Amino acid sequence: MSKRTKPPFRADHVGSLLRPAALKKAREQRAKGEIDAAALKTIEDREIERVIKKQQEVGLQSITDGEFRRSWWHLDFLWGLDGVEKHVMEGGIPFAGVTTRNEGIKVTGKLGFSSHPMIEHFKFVASHTKRTPKITIPAPSALYGRPMPTPIDKKIYPKLDAFFDDLGQAYKKAVRAFADAGCRYLQLDEVFIAMLCDPKYRQAMTARGDDPSSLGALYGDLINTAMSDIPSDMTITMHMCRGNYKSTYMGSGGYEAVQEILFNKIKVHGFFMEYDSDRAGGFEPLRMVPKDKSVVLGLVTSKSGRLESKDEIKRRIEQAAKFVDLDQLCLSPQCGFASTEEGNTLAEDEQWAKLKMIVEIADEVWG
């Protein structure tokens, strides 16, 4: 079995990590005006340095900042694009048994990319590890795909074609900016292609006037545009899940509904695929994975602290290997541990136990 020296790695992770108590307290103090932005950054820097060391200690080769400077996995990035502003919605997004905070986005100007604070966030990680620094950003569909419509100024974009064209070009510039900053491992977090596997979600998109049968291809085109100006030694992966908020989910459904788009259209180098429960269906769609692409199996759940048995995970890897070559496979948690700053309902030591186990299993399966 070949040893992987480029990402995705045999043992990898999605990116977000549970926020430590000190960071949560500092963010609360900043929101109340009790500390200034510089004081918050000092605490963020300290906690990120700690979490980088912890990732290295458990044996991970890809290193992130845990998304410690963010409140949301997606909104903090989107708010930094030209033409995008914060939007307070009438209500949050419904998940299974819980509703998110009511923060959102609105498009009030021409979409573009000038600069972004996350470029510096990446540089900070890169300067504090000798392993592979990784940045995660939402896929372009995150600006449009939430089941509640994104307010778009009709004076700026009377037709959506121009909106999507500009969105793709903004992302192309953003991805290139990360590359120019030294990034060689970037992950696009793609919820809304995976959500097209859910009949209820498709109905909701139809009800708001969209055609779900065409959205997957559109989102795929945006991803291809986003990565159309990358250096030859840069790896772009795509993480898919069906929602992750306080250990709950937004949708269900196997990958069959989008397998053609995923494996025949989108040009990413690897796929992080949610597979921790039957909500994601079976491994059969993996038979379509091209020989030159990797699949990172999200077999270890980030939604609970229960530590899976190694034998259980190894059996699942064997099952997946019936449909795609074992040498194309890697292992990770099914999602991040804290897609929002609230985090999932497990303890930090349970999070690290899962990541350590993933590294151990990868060593035992792939050597």
Protein backbone atom coordinates (compact mmCIF):
# COMPACT_ATOMS: atom_id res chain seq x y z
CA MET A 1 0.00 0.00 0.00
CA SER A 2 1.47 3.34 -1.02
CA LYS A 3 2.34 5.83 1.72
CA ARG A 4 0.60 9.16 1.20
CA THR A 5 2.86 12.18 1.32
CA LYS A 6 0.27 14.52 -0.19
CA PRO A 7 -3.22 15.26 1.07
CA PRO A 8 -5.71 13.95 1.72
CA PHE A 9 -3.86 11.79 4.23
CA ARG A 10 -4.74 8.27 5.35
CA ALA A 11 -5.80 9.77 8.68
CA ASP A 12 -7.37 13.17 8.10
CA HIS A 13 -10.01 15.41 9.61
CA VAL A 14 -12.63 17.83 8.41
CA GLY A 15 -11.23 20.88 10.20
CA SER A 16 -13.37 22.36 12.96
CA LEU A 17 -12.64 21.51 16.59
CA LEU A 18 -14.45 22.10 19.85
CA ARG A 19 -13.81 25.60 21.19
CA PRO A 20 -12.00 25.58 24.54
CA ALA A 21 -13.65 27.32 27.51
CA ALA A 22 -11.14 30.17 27.54
CA LEU A 23 -11.92 31.02 23.92
CA LYS A 24 -15.68 30.86 24.45
CA LYS A 25 -15.36 33.19 27.43
CA ALA A 26 -13.23 35.64 25.45
CA ARG A 27 -15.71 35.75 22.58
CA GLU A 28 -18.54 36.43 25.03
CA GLN A 29 -16.51 39.23 26.61
CA ARG A 30 -15.79 40.73 23.20
CA ALA A 31 -19.50 40.62 22.27
CA LYS A 32 -20.29 42.54 25.47
CA GLY A 33 -17.54 45.09 24.84
CA GLU A 34 -15.59 43.97 27.90
CA ILE A 35 -12.40 43.35 25.89
CA ASP A 36 -11.17 44.81 22.61
CA ALA A 37 -10.38 43.07 19.33
CA ALA A 38 -6.65 42.95 20.12
CA ALA A 39 -7.26 41.17 23.42
CA LEU A 40 -9.51 38.62 21.70
CA LYS A 41 -6.87 37.99 19.03
CA THR A 42 -4.23 37.37 21.68
CA ILE A 43 -6.40 34.66 23.23
CA GLU A 44 -7.28 33.21 19.81
CA ASP A 45 -3.58 33.03 18.90
CA ARG A 46 -2.74 31.27 22.15
CA GLU A 47 -5.54 28.72 21.86
CA ILE A 48 -4.78 28.04 18.18
CA GLU A 49 -1.12 27.39 19.01
CA ARG A 50 -2.30 24.89 21.62
CA VAL A 51 -4.70 23.13 19.26
CA ILE A 52 -2.03 22.90 16.56
CA LYS A 53 0.27 21.13 19.02
CA LYS A 54 -2.54 18.81 20.07
CA GLN A 55 -3.26 17.80 16.46
CA GLN A 56 0.42 17.02 16.01
CA GLU A 57 0.52 15.01 19.24
CA VAL A 58 -2.31 12.70 18.13
CA GLY A 59 -0.50 12.09 14.83
CA LEU A 60 -2.46 14.14 12.28
CA GLN A 61 -0.59 15.35 9.20
CA SER A 62 -3.11 18.01 8.13
CA ILE A 63 -3.29 20.89 10.59
CA THR A 64 -6.04 23.52 10.93
CA ASP A 65 -6.80 26.32 13.36
CA GLY A 66 -9.93 24.44 14.42
CA GLU A 67 -11.89 27.34 12.89
CA PHE A 68 -11.34 29.05 16.27
CA ARG A 69 -11.65 32.57 14.79
CA ARG A 70 -15.09 31.81 13.32
CA SER A 71 -18.62 31.69 14.60
CA TRP A 72 -19.94 29.68 11.63
CA TRP A 73 -18.31 27.23 9.21
CA HIS A 74 -19.57 29.28 6.26
CA LEU A 75 -20.95 32.71 7.12
CA ASP A 76 -17.69 34.21 8.40
CA PHE A 77 -16.10 33.53 5.02
CA LEU A 78 -19.08 34.68 2.96
CA TRP A 79 -19.39 37.94 4.91
CA GLY A 80 -15.86 38.75 3.74
CA LEU A 81 -16.72 38.68 0.02
CA ASP A 82 -17.37 41.92 -1.84
CA GLY A 83 -21.09 42.58 -2.21
CA VAL A 84 -22.13 40.39 0.75
CA GLU A 85 -23.46 41.71 4.07
CA LYS A 86 -24.76 40.24 7.30
CA HIS A 87 -28.49 39.65 7.42
CA VAL A 88 -30.73 39.00 10.41
CA MET A 89 -33.39 36.52 9.31
CA GLU A 90 -36.87 36.17 10.78
CA GLY A 91 -35.89 32.74 12.06
CA GLY A 92 -33.07 30.23 11.97
CA ILE A 93 -32.63 27.17 9.78
CA PRO A 94 -34.53 24.11 11.05
CA PHE A 95 -32.43 21.06 11.90
CA ALA A 96 -33.59 17.81 13.54
CA GLY A 97 -35.15 19.03 16.78
CA VAL A 98 -33.35 22.39 16.89
CA THR A 99 -33.19 25.66 14.98
CA THR A 100 -29.98 27.58 14.28
CA ARG A 101 -29.28 31.18 15.19
CA ASN A 102 -30.95 33.59 12.79
CA GLU A 103 -27.82 35.06 11.21
CA GLY A 104 -27.59 34.97 7.45
CA ILE A 105 -26.34 36.73 4.33
CA LYS A 106 -27.67 39.15 1.77
CA VAL A 107 -26.22 40.28 -1.53
CA THR A 108 -26.29 44.05 -1.79
CA GLY A 109 -23.59 44.67 -4.39
CA LYS A 110 -21.58 43.08 -7.18
CA LEU A 111 -19.93 39.90 -5.94
CA GLY A 112 -16.16 39.88 -5.88
CA PHE A 113 -13.00 39.16 -3.93
CA SER A 114 -10.60 41.89 -2.89
CA SER A 115 -9.02 40.56 0.27
CA HIS A 116 -10.05 38.43 3.23
CA PRO A 117 -8.98 38.07 6.87
CA MET A 118 -8.83 34.28 6.46
CA ILE A 119 -5.72 34.66 4.31
CA GLU A 120 -3.92 35.83 7.46
CA HIS A 121 -5.62 33.07 9.47
CA PHE A 122 -4.05 30.53 7.13
CA LYS A 123 -0.64 32.18 7.35
CA PHE A 124 -0.75 31.96 11.15
CA VAL A 125 -1.28 28.19 11.02
CA ALA A 126 1.40 27.76 8.36
CA SER A 127 3.92 29.64 10.52
CA HIS A 128 3.25 27.41 13.53
CA THR A 129 3.55 23.90 12.04
CA LYS A 130 5.98 21.95 9.88
CA ARG A 131 3.17 19.63 8.80
CA THR A 132 0.61 20.44 6.10
CA PRO A 133 -1.50 23.49 6.97
CA LYS A 134 -5.05 23.25 5.70
CA ILE A 135 -7.74 25.90 5.23
CA THR A 136 -11.44 25.11 4.99
CA ILE A 137 -13.93 27.42 3.32
CA PRO A 138 -17.55 26.92 2.30
CA ALA A 139 -18.22 25.79 -1.26
CA PRO A 140 -19.84 28.47 -3.46
CA SER A 141 -23.28 26.89 -3.07
CA ALA A 142 -23.33 28.08 0.56
CA LEU A 143 -24.25 31.56 -0.67
CA TYR A 144 -27.42 30.27 -2.32
CA GLY A 145 -28.36 26.81 -1.11
CA ARG A 146 -29.86 27.32 2.34
CA PRO A 147 -33.57 26.44 2.24
CA MET A 148 -34.43 30.03 3.17
CA PRO A 149 -33.81 32.22 0.09
CA THR A 150 -30.77 34.50 0.09
CA PRO A 151 -31.91 38.13 -0.39
CA ILE A 152 -30.28 39.32 -3.61
CA ASP A 153 -30.60 42.95 -4.74
CA LYS A 154 -32.53 42.73 -8.01
CA LYS A 155 -31.04 46.04 -9.16
CA ILE A 156 -27.59 44.46 -9.02
CA TYR A 157 -28.64 41.04 -10.31
CA PRO A 158 -31.92 41.14 -12.23
CA LYS A 159 -30.96 37.70 -13.58
CA LEU A 160 -29.28 34.90 -11.64
CA ASP A 161 -26.94 33.96 -14.49
CA ALA A 162 -24.80 37.02 -13.82
CA PHE A 163 -24.96 36.37 -10.07
CA PHE A 164 -23.57 32.84 -10.48
CA ASP A 165 -20.94 34.01 -12.97
CA ASP A 166 -19.66 36.60 -10.50
CA LEU A 167 -19.81 34.12 -7.62
CA GLY A 168 -17.60 31.68 -9.52
CA GLN A 169 -15.08 34.39 -10.39
CA ALA A 170 -14.99 35.65 -6.79
CA TYR A 171 -14.19 32.15 -5.61
CA LYS A 172 -11.56 31.70 -8.31
CA LYS A 173 -9.77 34.80 -6.99
CA ALA A 174 -10.19 33.67 -3.39
CA VAL A 175 -8.72 30.22 -3.99
CA ARG A 176 -5.83 31.77 -5.93
CA ALA A 177 -5.21 34.20 -3.06
CA PHE A 178 -4.87 31.29 -0.64
CA ALA A 179 -2.50 29.58 -3.09
CA ASP A 180 -0.40 32.74 -3.37
CA ALA A 181 -0.24 32.81 0.44
CA GLY A 182 1.35 29.35 0.34
CA CYS A 183 -1.72 27.16 0.78
CA ARG A 184 -1.42 23.78 -0.90
CA TYR A 185 -4.33 22.05 0.85
CA LEU A 186 -7.73 23.70 0.64
CA GLN A 187 -11.07 22.09 1.44
CA LEU A 188 -14.42 23.23 0.07
CA ASP A 189 -17.23 22.38 2.49
CA GLU A 190 -20.19 21.38 0.33
CA VAL A 191 -23.49 20.81 2.13
CA PHE A 192 -25.98 21.65 -0.56
CA ILE A 193 -25.02 19.06 -3.17
CA ALA A 194 -25.36 16.43 -0.45
CA MET A 195 -28.68 17.97 0.57
CA LEU A 196 -29.98 17.33 -2.95
CA CYS A 197 -30.08 13.67 -1.86
CA ASP A 198 -32.94 14.59 0.50
CA PRO A 199 -36.45 14.61 -1.06
CA LYS A 200 -37.78 17.11 1.52
CA TYR A 201 -34.98 19.53 0.74
CA ARG A 202 -35.65 19.21 -2.97
CA GLN A 203 -39.31 19.98 -2.33
CA ALA A 204 -38.35 23.08 -0.33
CA MET A 205 -36.12 24.34 -3.15
CA THR A 206 -38.89 23.69 -5.70
CA ALA A 207 -41.35 25.60 -3.51
CA ARG A 208 -39.11 28.67 -3.51
CA GLY A 209 -38.89 28.60 -7.31
CA ASP A 210 -35.69 26.65 -7.97
CA ASP A 211 -35.18 23.52 -10.06
CA PRO A 212 -33.33 21.02 -7.87
CA SER A 213 -32.56 18.82 -10.88
CA SER A 214 -30.29 21.56 -12.25
CA LEU A 215 -28.76 22.86 -9.01
CA GLY A 216 -26.23 20.05 -8.58
CA ALA A 217 -24.65 20.66 -11.98
CA LEU A 218 -24.65 24.41 -11.33
CA TYR A 219 -22.89 23.97 -7.99
CA GLY A 220 -20.40 21.63 -9.65
CA ASP A 221 -19.60 24.25 -12.30
CA LEU A 222 -18.96 26.80 -9.53
CA ILE A 223 -16.50 24.46 -7.83
CA ASN A 224 -14.69 23.83 -11.11
CA THR A 225 -14.46 27.57 -11.71
CA ALA A 226 -13.20 28.14 -8.17
CA MET A 227 -10.26 25.79 -8.70
CA SER A 228 -9.51 26.72 -12.31
CA ASP A 229 -6.46 28.86 -11.49
CA ILE A 230 -4.63 26.76 -8.91
CA PRO A 231 -0.95 25.74 -8.99
CA SER A 232 -0.25 22.19 -10.16
CA ASP A 233 0.90 21.14 -6.68
CA MET A 234 -2.23 22.33 -4.86
CA THR A 235 -4.82 19.83 -3.57
CA ILE A 236 -8.50 20.76 -3.43
CA THR A 237 -10.86 18.42 -1.61
CA MET A 238 -14.60 18.62 -1.07
CA HIS A 239 -16.29 17.72 2.19
CA MET A 240 -19.94 16.70 2.08
CA CYS A 241 -22.40 16.37 4.91
CA ARG A 242 -26.09 16.78 5.51
CA GLY A 243 -25.82 19.43 8.19
CA ASN A 244 -24.00 19.63 11.52
CA TYR A 245 -25.33 21.87 14.30
CA LYS A 246 -25.24 20.97 18.00
CA SER A 247 -24.95 17.29 17.01
CA THR A 248 -28.09 17.42 14.85
CA TYR A 249 -28.55 17.20 11.08
CA MET A 250 -30.55 18.87 8.34
CA GLY A 251 -31.11 16.10 5.79
CA SER A 252 -30.85 12.44 4.83
CA GLY A 253 -30.40 10.39 1.66
CA GLY A 254 -27.82 8.29 -0.16
CA TYR A 255 -25.36 9.68 -2.70
CA GLU A 256 -27.05 8.00 -5.69
CA ALA A 257 -29.00 11.16 -6.51
CA VAL A 258 -25.78 13.14 -7.12
CA GLN A 259 -23.20 10.46 -7.97
CA GLU A 260 -22.90 11.47 -11.64
CA ILE A 261 -22.20 15.09 -10.70
CA LEU A 262 -19.77 14.19 -7.93
CA PHE A 263 -17.64 11.71 -9.78
CA ASN A 264 -18.02 12.64 -13.46
CA LYS A 265 -18.26 16.43 -13.33
CA ILE A 266 -16.48 17.94 -10.33
CA LYS A 267 -12.70 18.19 -10.67
CA VAL A 268 -11.64 18.14 -7.03
CA HIS A 269 -8.83 15.77 -6.07
CA GLY A 270 -10.64 14.06 -3.23
CA PHE A 271 -13.96 13.68 -1.45
CA PHE A 272 -14.62 13.71 2.28
CA MET A 273 -17.83 11.69 2.46
CA GLU A 274 -20.18 11.41 5.43
CA TYR A 275 -20.73 7.73 6.22
CA ASP A 276 -21.28 7.47 9.97
CA SER A 277 -24.96 6.47 9.80
CA ASP A 278 -27.52 5.05 7.42
CA ARG A 279 -28.63 8.61 6.63
CA ALA A 280 -25.85 8.65 4.02
CA GLY A 281 -26.86 5.40 2.34
CA GLY A 282 -24.54 2.64 1.15
CA PHE A 283 -21.10 2.51 -0.43
CA GLU A 284 -22.37 1.49 -3.89
CA PRO A 285 -21.90 4.97 -5.46
CA LEU A 286 -18.16 4.67 -4.76
CA ARG A 287 -17.86 2.32 -7.74
CA MET A 288 -17.99 5.46 -9.90
CA VAL A 289 -14.99 7.17 -8.26
CA PRO A 290 -12.28 7.85 -10.88
CA LYS A 291 -9.00 6.01 -10.35
CA ASP A 292 -7.05 9.24 -9.83
CA LYS A 293 -9.19 10.51 -6.94
CA SER A 294 -9.30 9.79 -3.23
CA VAL A 295 -12.23 9.20 -0.90
CA VAL A 296 -11.90 10.02 2.78
CA LEU A 297 -14.46 7.85 4.54
CA GLY A 298 -16.23 9.74 7.32
CA LEU A 299 -16.92 6.64 9.37
CA VAL A 300 -16.26 8.06 12.84
CA THR A 301 -19.10 10.26 14.02
CA SER A 302 -18.41 13.73 15.37
CA LYS A 303 -21.95 14.00 16.71
CA SER A 304 -21.47 11.93 19.89
CA GLY A 305 -18.71 11.02 22.29
CA ARG A 306 -19.16 7.26 21.94
CA LEU A 307 -15.88 5.82 20.73
CA GLU A 308 -16.44 3.33 17.95
CA SER A 309 -14.56 0.03 18.08
CA LYS A 310 -11.60 -0.34 15.77
CA ASP A 311 -13.00 -3.60 14.42
CA GLU A 312 -16.28 -1.90 13.59
CA ILE A 313 -14.50 0.79 11.56
CA LYS A 314 -12.20 -1.70 9.84
CA ARG A 315 -15.20 -3.77 8.73
CA ARG A 316 -16.74 -0.67 7.22
CA ILE A 317 -13.51 0.14 5.37
CA GLU A 318 -13.51 -3.42 3.98
CA GLN A 319 -17.11 -2.96 2.81
CA ALA A 320 -16.23 0.29 1.04
CA ALA A 321 -13.20 -1.38 -0.58
CA LYS A 322 -15.57 -3.70 -2.46
CA PHE A 323 -16.55 -0.71 -4.60
CA VAL A 324 -13.35 1.38 -4.80
CA ASP A 325 -9.71 0.36 -4.48
CA LEU A 326 -8.45 0.34 -0.88
CA ASP A 327 -5.44 2.39 -1.96
CA GLN A 328 -7.80 5.26 -2.89
CA LEU A 329 -9.35 5.35 0.58
CA CYS A 330 -8.56 7.34 3.71
CA LEU A 331 -10.31 7.79 7.07
CA SER A 332 -11.71 10.79 8.97
CA PRO A 333 -14.55 11.88 11.22
CA GLN A 334 -17.83 12.31 9.37
CA CYS A 335 -17.83 16.08 9.93
CA GLY A 336 -16.18 18.74 12.02
CA PHE A 337 -16.65 18.72 15.77
CA ALA A 338 -17.84 22.33 15.85
CA SER A 339 -19.28 23.58 12.57
CA THR A 340 -20.48 26.51 14.67
CA GLU A 341 -18.91 27.89 17.81
CA GLU A 342 -21.52 26.12 19.97
CA GLY A 343 -19.95 22.79 19.05
CA ASN A 344 -21.34 19.27 19.13
CA THR A 345 -22.41 17.50 22.32
CA LEU A 346 -19.21 15.72 23.30
CA ALA A 347 -16.22 16.55 25.47
CA GLU A 348 -12.80 17.66 24.23
CA ASP A 349 -11.15 14.49 25.50
CA GLU A 350 -13.71 12.43 23.55
CA GLN A 351 -12.90 14.44 20.41
CA TRP A 352 -9.16 13.78 20.78
CA ALA A 353 -9.77 10.09 21.51
CA LYS A 354 -11.62 9.79 18.20
CA LEU A 355 -8.88 11.55 16.24
CA LYS A 356 -6.17 9.45 17.89
CA MET A 357 -8.09 6.29 17.06
CA ILE A 358 -8.41 7.37 13.41
CA VAL A 359 -4.62 7.75 13.20
CA GLU A 360 -4.12 4.32 14.77
CA ILE A 361 -6.61 2.61 12.45
CA ALA A 362 -5.04 4.24 9.40
CA ASP A 363 -1.62 2.93 10.45
CA GLU A 364 -3.05 -0.56 10.96
CA VAL A 365 -5.00 -0.65 7.66
CA TRP A 366 -2.60 1.13 5.29
CA GLY A 367 0.75 0.91 7.10
